[in-house]
Amino acid sequence: MSRLLASFFVLMAQVEVTWEQQEINGQPGAIVRDREGRVLNAITLDILDGQIQTVRLVINPDKLGHMGPVADAWAVQREVQQSRRRTP
C-alpha cells in the first residue's frame, strides 16, 4: 500500500498537485488540490492497530463541491499522462 501511495505522490507532484492533511468524517485523510487550489479529490484512511485497513477516495465532483471549487480531474489526468511520456 505504501509503495502505491508513494508512486501516486510522485506523479501528482510533477503536475503541482498538493495534499492537505485533514480530518474527514472523523477519519484521518487529505484533500488533494490542483495547482489552482481547486479540489481534485478527498482521501480517507481507516486505521486499526496502527495499520491502514481501507483507503477511501472520493472523486465525484457533486460530493466534493462543499469543500470549494472543484478541479477538472480529466484535465489533471491528461497532464499527468503527458508528464509521464516526457519522463524517461
N, C-alpha and C. Protein backbone atom coordinates (compact mmCIF):
# COMPACT_ATOMS: atom_id res chain seq x y z
N MET A 1 0.82 -1.19 0.00
CA MET A 1 0.00 0.00 0.00
C MET A 1 0.87 1.25 0.00
N SER A 2 1.91 1.26 0.82
CA SER A 2 2.74 2.46 0.90
C SER A 2 3.45 2.73 -0.43
N ARG A 3 3.86 1.67 -1.14
CA ARG A 3 4.51 1.87 -2.45
C ARG A 3 3.54 2.47 -3.46
N LEU A 4 2.30 2.03 -3.42
CA LEU A 4 1.28 2.57 -4.32
C LEU A 4 1.07 4.05 -4.05
N LEU A 5 0.89 4.40 -2.78
CA LEU A 5 0.68 5.81 -2.44
C LEU A 5 1.91 6.65 -2.77
N ALA A 6 3.10 6.12 -2.54
CA ALA A 6 4.32 6.87 -2.85
C ALA A 6 4.43 7.14 -4.35
N SER A 7 4.11 6.16 -5.18
CA SER A 7 4.19 6.38 -6.62
C SER A 7 3.14 7.40 -7.06
N PHE A 8 1.99 7.39 -6.42
CA PHE A 8 0.94 8.35 -6.72
C PHE A 8 1.40 9.76 -6.36
N PHE A 9 2.05 9.92 -5.20
CA PHE A 9 2.56 11.23 -4.78
C PHE A 9 3.54 11.78 -5.81
N VAL A 10 4.44 10.94 -6.30
CA VAL A 10 5.45 11.38 -7.26
C VAL A 10 4.78 11.87 -8.54
N LEU A 11 3.82 11.12 -9.06
CA LEU A 11 3.13 11.52 -10.29
C LEU A 11 2.40 12.84 -10.10
N MET A 12 1.70 12.98 -9.00
CA MET A 12 0.93 14.19 -8.76
C MET A 12 1.82 15.40 -8.53
N ALA A 13 2.95 15.20 -7.89
CA ALA A 13 3.88 16.31 -7.64
C ALA A 13 4.40 16.88 -8.96
N GLN A 14 4.52 16.06 -9.98
CA GLN A 14 5.02 16.51 -11.27
C GLN A 14 4.08 17.53 -11.91
N VAL A 15 2.81 17.51 -11.56
CA VAL A 15 1.85 18.47 -12.12
C VAL A 15 1.35 19.44 -11.04
N GLU A 16 2.14 19.59 -9.98
CA GLU A 16 1.92 20.57 -8.92
C GLU A 16 0.62 20.36 -8.14
N VAL A 17 0.22 19.11 -7.96
CA VAL A 17 -0.93 18.80 -7.12
C VAL A 17 -0.45 18.81 -5.67
N THR A 18 -1.27 19.37 -4.78
CA THR A 18 -0.89 19.44 -3.37
C THR A 18 -1.85 18.62 -2.51
N TRP A 19 -1.37 18.22 -1.36
CA TRP A 19 -2.13 17.41 -0.41
C TRP A 19 -2.24 18.18 0.89
N GLU A 20 -3.46 18.33 1.39
CA GLU A 20 -3.68 18.97 2.69
C GLU A 20 -4.15 17.90 3.66
N GLN A 21 -3.36 17.66 4.68
CA GLN A 21 -3.79 16.70 5.71
C GLN A 21 -5.03 17.25 6.37
N GLN A 22 -6.06 16.43 6.50
CA GLN A 22 -7.34 16.89 7.00
C GLN A 22 -8.11 15.73 7.63
N GLU A 23 -8.86 16.02 8.67
CA GLU A 23 -9.77 15.01 9.20
C GLU A 23 -11.06 15.13 8.40
N ILE A 24 -11.51 14.01 7.84
CA ILE A 24 -12.71 13.98 7.01
C ILE A 24 -13.66 12.94 7.58
N ASN A 25 -14.87 13.38 7.93
CA ASN A 25 -15.87 12.48 8.52
C ASN A 25 -15.30 11.70 9.70
N GLY A 26 -14.47 12.36 10.50
CA GLY A 26 -13.91 11.74 11.69
C GLY A 26 -12.74 10.81 11.43
N GLN A 27 -12.29 10.71 10.19
CA GLN A 27 -11.18 9.82 9.84
C GLN A 27 -9.98 10.65 9.38
N PRO A 28 -8.77 10.15 9.57
CA PRO A 28 -7.61 10.85 9.02
C PRO A 28 -7.67 10.80 7.50
N GLY A 29 -7.24 11.86 6.88
CA GLY A 29 -7.28 11.88 5.43
C GLY A 29 -6.59 13.09 4.85
N ALA A 30 -6.92 13.38 3.60
CA ALA A 30 -6.32 14.51 2.90
C ALA A 30 -7.27 15.01 1.83
N ILE A 31 -7.14 16.30 1.56
CA ILE A 31 -7.82 16.90 0.42
C ILE A 31 -6.73 17.17 -0.61
N VAL A 32 -6.95 16.71 -1.81
CA VAL A 32 -5.98 16.86 -2.89
C VAL A 32 -6.46 18.00 -3.78
N ARG A 33 -5.54 18.96 -4.05
CA ARG A 33 -5.89 20.14 -4.84
C ARG A 33 -4.97 20.29 -6.05
N ASP A 34 -5.54 20.84 -7.13
CA ASP A 34 -4.72 21.11 -8.30
C ASP A 34 -3.90 22.38 -8.07
N ARG A 35 -3.09 22.77 -9.02
CA ARG A 35 -2.20 23.92 -8.84
C ARG A 35 -2.95 25.23 -8.63
N GLU A 36 -4.24 25.27 -9.02
CA GLU A 36 -5.05 26.46 -8.83
C GLU A 36 -5.75 26.46 -7.46
N GLY A 37 -5.58 25.39 -6.69
CA GLY A 37 -6.19 25.28 -5.38
C GLY A 37 -7.59 24.67 -5.39
N ARG A 38 -8.02 24.19 -6.56
CA ARG A 38 -9.35 23.57 -6.66
C ARG A 38 -9.28 22.13 -6.17
N VAL A 39 -10.37 21.65 -5.59
CA VAL A 39 -10.43 20.30 -5.01
C VAL A 39 -10.43 19.27 -6.14
N LEU A 40 -9.51 18.33 -6.07
CA LEU A 40 -9.40 17.26 -7.05
C LEU A 40 -10.06 15.99 -6.52
N ASN A 41 -9.75 15.65 -5.27
CA ASN A 41 -10.38 14.51 -4.61
C ASN A 41 -10.14 14.57 -3.12
N ALA A 42 -10.77 13.68 -2.40
CA ALA A 42 -10.58 13.56 -0.96
C ALA A 42 -10.27 12.10 -0.65
N ILE A 43 -9.34 11.90 0.25
CA ILE A 43 -8.91 10.56 0.63
C ILE A 43 -9.07 10.41 2.13
N THR A 44 -9.65 9.29 2.55
CA THR A 44 -9.70 8.98 3.98
C THR A 44 -9.09 7.61 4.21
N LEU A 45 -8.59 7.40 5.41
CA LEU A 45 -7.96 6.14 5.78
C LEU A 45 -8.68 5.55 6.99
N ASP A 46 -9.00 4.28 6.91
CA ASP A 46 -9.48 3.54 8.08
C ASP A 46 -8.25 2.87 8.67
N ILE A 47 -7.96 3.19 9.92
CA ILE A 47 -6.76 2.65 10.57
C ILE A 47 -7.17 1.83 11.78
N LEU A 48 -6.59 0.65 11.89
CA LEU A 48 -6.83 -0.23 13.02
C LEU A 48 -5.49 -0.75 13.51
N ASP A 49 -5.23 -0.60 14.80
CA ASP A 49 -3.97 -1.04 15.40
C ASP A 49 -2.75 -0.50 14.66
N GLY A 50 -2.85 0.77 14.24
CA GLY A 50 -1.71 1.42 13.60
C GLY A 50 -1.48 1.04 12.15
N GLN A 51 -2.38 0.26 11.56
CA GLN A 51 -2.20 -0.15 10.16
C GLN A 51 -3.40 0.29 9.33
N ILE A 52 -3.11 0.70 8.11
CA ILE A 52 -4.19 1.10 7.20
C ILE A 52 -4.98 -0.13 6.80
N GLN A 53 -6.28 -0.07 7.03
CA GLN A 53 -7.16 -1.17 6.66
C GLN A 53 -7.87 -0.88 5.32
N THR A 54 -8.27 0.38 5.15
CA THR A 54 -9.02 0.76 3.96
C THR A 54 -8.63 2.17 3.54
N VAL A 55 -8.51 2.37 2.24
CA VAL A 55 -8.30 3.70 1.67
C VAL A 55 -9.57 4.04 0.89
N ARG A 56 -10.18 5.16 1.22
CA ARG A 56 -11.38 5.59 0.50
C ARG A 56 -11.05 6.86 -0.27
N LEU A 57 -11.42 6.88 -1.54
CA LEU A 57 -11.14 8.00 -2.41
C LEU A 57 -12.45 8.51 -2.99
N VAL A 58 -12.74 9.79 -2.78
CA VAL A 58 -13.94 10.40 -3.33
C VAL A 58 -13.50 11.30 -4.47
N ILE A 59 -14.01 11.02 -5.67
CA ILE A 59 -13.66 11.83 -6.83
C ILE A 59 -14.89 12.44 -7.51
N ASN A 60 -16.06 12.10 -7.04
CA ASN A 60 -17.31 12.62 -7.61
C ASN A 60 -17.40 14.12 -7.33
N PRO A 61 -17.38 14.96 -8.38
CA PRO A 61 -17.42 16.40 -8.15
C PRO A 61 -18.67 16.87 -7.40
N ASP A 62 -19.79 16.16 -7.56
CA ASP A 62 -21.00 16.53 -6.84
C ASP A 62 -20.84 16.36 -5.33
N LYS A 63 -19.99 15.43 -4.91
CA LYS A 63 -19.76 15.19 -3.48
C LYS A 63 -18.63 16.04 -2.92
N LEU A 64 -17.85 16.68 -3.80
CA LEU A 64 -16.72 17.49 -3.35
C LEU A 64 -17.02 18.97 -3.33
N GLY A 65 -18.10 19.38 -3.95
CA GLY A 65 -18.42 20.80 -4.11
C GLY A 65 -18.49 21.60 -2.83
N HIS A 66 -18.87 20.96 -1.73
CA HIS A 66 -18.96 21.70 -0.46
C HIS A 66 -17.58 22.04 0.11
N MET A 67 -16.52 21.49 -0.47
CA MET A 67 -15.16 21.76 0.01
C MET A 67 -14.53 22.95 -0.72
N GLY A 68 -15.20 23.45 -1.74
CA GLY A 68 -14.68 24.58 -2.51
C GLY A 68 -14.78 24.28 -4.00
N PRO A 69 -14.21 25.18 -4.83
CA PRO A 69 -14.24 24.95 -6.27
C PRO A 69 -13.60 23.60 -6.61
N VAL A 70 -14.19 22.90 -7.56
CA VAL A 70 -13.74 21.55 -7.91
C VAL A 70 -12.92 21.59 -9.20
N ALA A 71 -11.83 20.84 -9.21
CA ALA A 71 -10.93 20.76 -10.37
C ALA A 71 -11.52 19.87 -11.46
N ASP A 72 -11.02 20.04 -12.66
CA ASP A 72 -11.35 19.15 -13.77
C ASP A 72 -10.38 17.96 -13.69
N ALA A 73 -10.84 16.87 -13.11
CA ALA A 73 -9.98 15.70 -12.88
C ALA A 73 -9.45 15.13 -14.19
N TRP A 74 -10.24 15.18 -15.25
CA TRP A 74 -9.78 14.65 -16.55
C TRP A 74 -8.62 15.48 -17.08
N ALA A 75 -8.67 16.79 -16.91
CA ALA A 75 -7.57 17.64 -17.37
C ALA A 75 -6.29 17.34 -16.59
N VAL A 76 -6.43 17.13 -15.29
CA VAL A 76 -5.25 16.78 -14.48
C VAL A 76 -4.71 15.42 -14.91
N GLN A 77 -5.59 14.47 -15.17
CA GLN A 77 -5.17 13.14 -15.62
C GLN A 77 -4.40 13.24 -16.94
N ARG A 78 -4.90 14.03 -17.88
CA ARG A 78 -4.19 14.20 -19.16
C ARG A 78 -2.82 14.81 -18.94
N GLU A 79 -2.74 15.77 -18.03
CA GLU A 79 -1.45 16.40 -17.74
C GLU A 79 -0.47 15.40 -17.12
N VAL A 80 -0.97 14.55 -16.24
CA VAL A 80 -0.12 13.51 -15.64
C VAL A 80 0.39 12.57 -16.73
N GLN A 81 -0.48 12.15 -17.64
CA GLN A 81 -0.07 11.25 -18.72
C GLN A 81 0.98 11.90 -19.60
N GLN A 82 0.80 13.17 -19.93
CA GLN A 82 1.80 13.87 -20.74
C GLN A 82 3.12 13.97 -20.00
N SER A 83 3.06 14.21 -18.70
CA SER A 83 4.26 14.29 -17.88
C SER A 83 5.01 12.96 -17.87
N ARG A 84 4.26 11.87 -17.80
CA ARG A 84 4.89 10.53 -17.78
C ARG A 84 5.58 10.24 -19.10
N ARG A 85 5.03 10.71 -20.21
CA ARG A 85 5.65 10.48 -21.52
C ARG A 85 6.97 11.22 -21.65
N ARG A 86 7.07 12.38 -21.00
CA ARG A 86 8.29 13.17 -21.08
C ARG A 86 9.38 12.66 -20.15
N THR A 87 9.00 11.93 -19.10
CA THR A 87 9.96 11.43 -18.11
C THR A 87 10.53 10.10 -18.60
N PRO A 88 11.87 10.01 -18.72
CA PRO A 88 12.49 8.74 -19.19
C PRO A 88 12.39 7.65 -18.16
